[in-house]
Amino acid sequence: MRGVLMPAALAEIKQQLDEHIGKQVTLTTHESRHRTIEHQAIVRNTFRSVFVLDLEQDGHEFDRASFSYTDLLTENIEISFD
């Protein structure tokens, strides 16, 4: 089942991400007004104010990136659960 993480309270966002640690998600970043980029990622860890994703690159390499829960609240990024 595919779900989209919708903005809510910060604690709810963290809880939903906690439930998906180690699982694959789709990250959509809004780079500019008309440009979005999609990445396949794995939720690596969650902390008090940020969470860490391993973004899949070509081959078997990963690029690690961290985001604030506020990025989800302000809809700068979106996360979809696969």
C-alpha atoms as a PDB file:
ATOM      1  CA  MET A   1       0.000   0.000   0.000  1.00  0.00           C
ATOM      2  CA  ARG A   2       1.319   3.414  -0.909  1.00  0.00           C
ATOM      3  CA  GLY A   3       0.758   6.356   1.411  1.00  0.00           C
ATOM      4  CA  VAL A   4       1.808   9.969   1.367  1.00  0.00           C
ATOM      5  CA  LEU A   5       3.129  11.661   4.468  1.00  0.00           C
ATOM      6  CA  MET A   6       0.884  14.678   4.838  1.00  0.00           C
ATOM      7  CA  PRO A   7       1.917  17.661   6.933  1.00  0.00           C
ATOM      8  CA  ALA A   8       0.671  17.455  10.507  1.00  0.00           C
ATOM      9  CA  ALA A   9       2.192  18.109  13.899  1.00  0.00           C
ATOM     10  CA  LEU A  10       5.955  17.625  14.125  1.00  0.00           C
ATOM     11  CA  ALA A  11       5.551  14.793  16.635  1.00  0.00           C
ATOM     12  CA  GLU A  12       3.202  12.935  14.274  1.00  0.00           C
ATOM     13  CA  ILE A  13       5.639  13.307  11.381  1.00  0.00           C
ATOM     14  CA  LYS A  14       8.492  11.909  13.488  1.00  0.00           C
ATOM     15  CA  GLN A  15       6.322   9.007  14.657  1.00  0.00           C
ATOM     16  CA  GLN A  16       5.369   8.088  11.079  1.00  0.00           C
ATOM     17  CA  LEU A  17       9.003   8.206   9.977  1.00  0.00           C
ATOM     18  CA  ASP A  18      10.032   6.135  13.034  1.00  0.00           C
ATOM     19  CA  GLU A  19       7.673   3.406  11.788  1.00  0.00           C
ATOM     20  CA  HIS A  20       9.481   3.378   8.410  1.00  0.00           C
ATOM     21  CA  ILE A  21      13.123   3.229   9.550  1.00  0.00           C
ATOM     22  CA  GLY A  22      14.986   0.876   7.209  1.00  0.00           C
ATOM     23  CA  LYS A  23      12.199   0.969   4.622  1.00  0.00           C
ATOM     24  CA  GLN A  24      12.153   2.461   1.153  1.00  0.00           C
ATOM     25  CA  VAL A  25      10.315   5.719   0.479  1.00  0.00           C
ATOM     26  CA  THR A  26      10.005   8.140  -2.411  1.00  0.00           C
ATOM     27  CA  LEU A  27      11.308  11.626  -1.700  1.00  0.00           C
ATOM     28  CA  THR A  28      10.077  14.503  -3.850  1.00  0.00           C
ATOM     29  CA  THR A  29      11.958  17.773  -3.530  1.00  0.00           C
ATOM     30  CA  HIS A  30      10.586  21.041  -4.839  1.00  0.00           C
ATOM     31  CA  GLU A  31      13.650  22.777  -6.262  1.00  0.00           C
ATOM     32  CA  SER A  32      11.868  25.742  -7.811  1.00  0.00           C
ATOM     33  CA  ARG A  33       8.462  26.791  -8.956  1.00  0.00           C
ATOM     34  CA  HIS A  34       8.223  24.317 -11.809  1.00  0.00           C
ATOM     35  CA  ARG A  35      10.958  21.813 -11.003  1.00  0.00           C
ATOM     36  CA  THR A  36      10.618  18.789  -8.762  1.00  0.00           C
ATOM     37  CA  ILE A  37      13.036  15.916  -8.351  1.00  0.00           C
ATOM     38  CA  GLU A  38      12.128  12.398  -7.187  1.00  0.00           C
ATOM     39  CA  HIS A  39      14.540  10.124  -5.346  1.00  0.00           C
ATOM     40  CA  GLN A  40      14.190   6.606  -4.051  1.00  0.00           C
ATOM     41  CA  ALA A  41      15.484   6.605  -0.491  1.00  0.00           C
ATOM     42  CA  ILE A  42      15.700   4.575   2.688  1.00  0.00           C
ATOM     43  CA  VAL A  43      14.818   6.095   6.049  1.00  0.00           C
ATOM     44  CA  ARG A  44      18.057   5.682   7.985  1.00  0.00           C
ATOM     45  CA  ASN A  45      17.393   7.440  11.296  1.00  0.00           C
ATOM     46  CA  THR A  46      15.245  10.013  13.052  1.00  0.00           C
ATOM     47  CA  PHE A  47      16.366  12.529  15.626  1.00  0.00           C
ATOM     48  CA  ARG A  48      14.666  15.214  17.652  1.00  0.00           C
ATOM     49  CA  SER A  49      14.532  17.840  14.896  1.00  0.00           C
ATOM     50  CA  VAL A  50      15.882  16.128  11.750  1.00  0.00           C
ATOM     51  CA  PHE A  51      15.713  12.803   9.938  1.00  0.00           C
ATOM     52  CA  VAL A  52      18.280  11.100   7.723  1.00  0.00           C
ATOM     53  CA  LEU A  53      17.657   9.430   4.368  1.00  0.00           C
ATOM     54  CA  ASP A  54      19.997   7.372   2.209  1.00  0.00           C
ATOM     55  CA  LEU A  55      19.280   8.492  -1.351  1.00  0.00           C
ATOM     56  CA  GLU A  56      19.852   5.803  -3.971  1.00  0.00           C
ATOM     57  CA  GLN A  57      22.368   6.698  -6.644  1.00  0.00           C
ATOM     58  CA  ASP A  58      23.460   4.831  -9.770  1.00  0.00           C
ATOM     59  CA  GLY A  59      24.722   1.383  -8.961  1.00  0.00           C
ATOM     60  CA  HIS A  60      24.893   0.388  -5.319  1.00  0.00           C
ATOM     61  CA  GLU A  61      25.952   3.742  -3.896  1.00  0.00           C
ATOM     62  CA  PHE A  62      23.998   5.918  -1.495  1.00  0.00           C
ATOM     63  CA  ASP A  63      24.152   9.614  -0.782  1.00  0.00           C
ATOM     64  CA  ARG A  64      23.114  10.515   2.755  1.00  0.00           C
ATOM     65  CA  ALA A  65      20.970  13.614   3.314  1.00  0.00           C
ATOM     66  CA  SER A  66      19.231  15.082   6.332  1.00  0.00           C
ATOM     67  CA  PHE A  67      16.026  17.074   6.408  1.00  0.00           C
ATOM     68  CA  SER A  68      14.060  18.961   9.009  1.00  0.00           C
ATOM     69  CA  TYR A  69      10.532  17.884   9.913  1.00  0.00           C
ATOM     70  CA  THR A  70       9.624  21.491   9.118  1.00  0.00           C
ATOM     71  CA  ASP A  71      10.556  20.790   5.465  1.00  0.00           C
ATOM     72  CA  LEU A  72       7.577  18.430   5.380  1.00  0.00           C
ATOM     73  CA  LEU A  73       5.274  20.866   7.181  1.00  0.00           C
ATOM     74  CA  THR A  74       6.088  23.665   4.747  1.00  0.00           C
ATOM     75  CA  GLU A  75       5.818  21.207   1.830  1.00  0.00           C
ATOM     76  CA  ASN A  76       9.346  21.902   0.571  1.00  0.00           C
ATOM     77  CA  ILE A  77       9.643  18.118   0.339  1.00  0.00           C
ATOM     78  CA  GLU A  78       7.165  15.248   0.228  1.00  0.00           C
ATOM     79  CA  ILE A  79       7.610  11.647   1.267  1.00  0.00           C
ATOM     80  CA  SER A  80       5.580   8.750  -0.100  1.00  0.00           C
ATOM     81  CA  PHE A  81       5.711   5.336   1.504  1.00  0.00           C
ATOM     82  CA  ASP A  82       6.018   2.491  -1.000  1.00  0.00           C
END
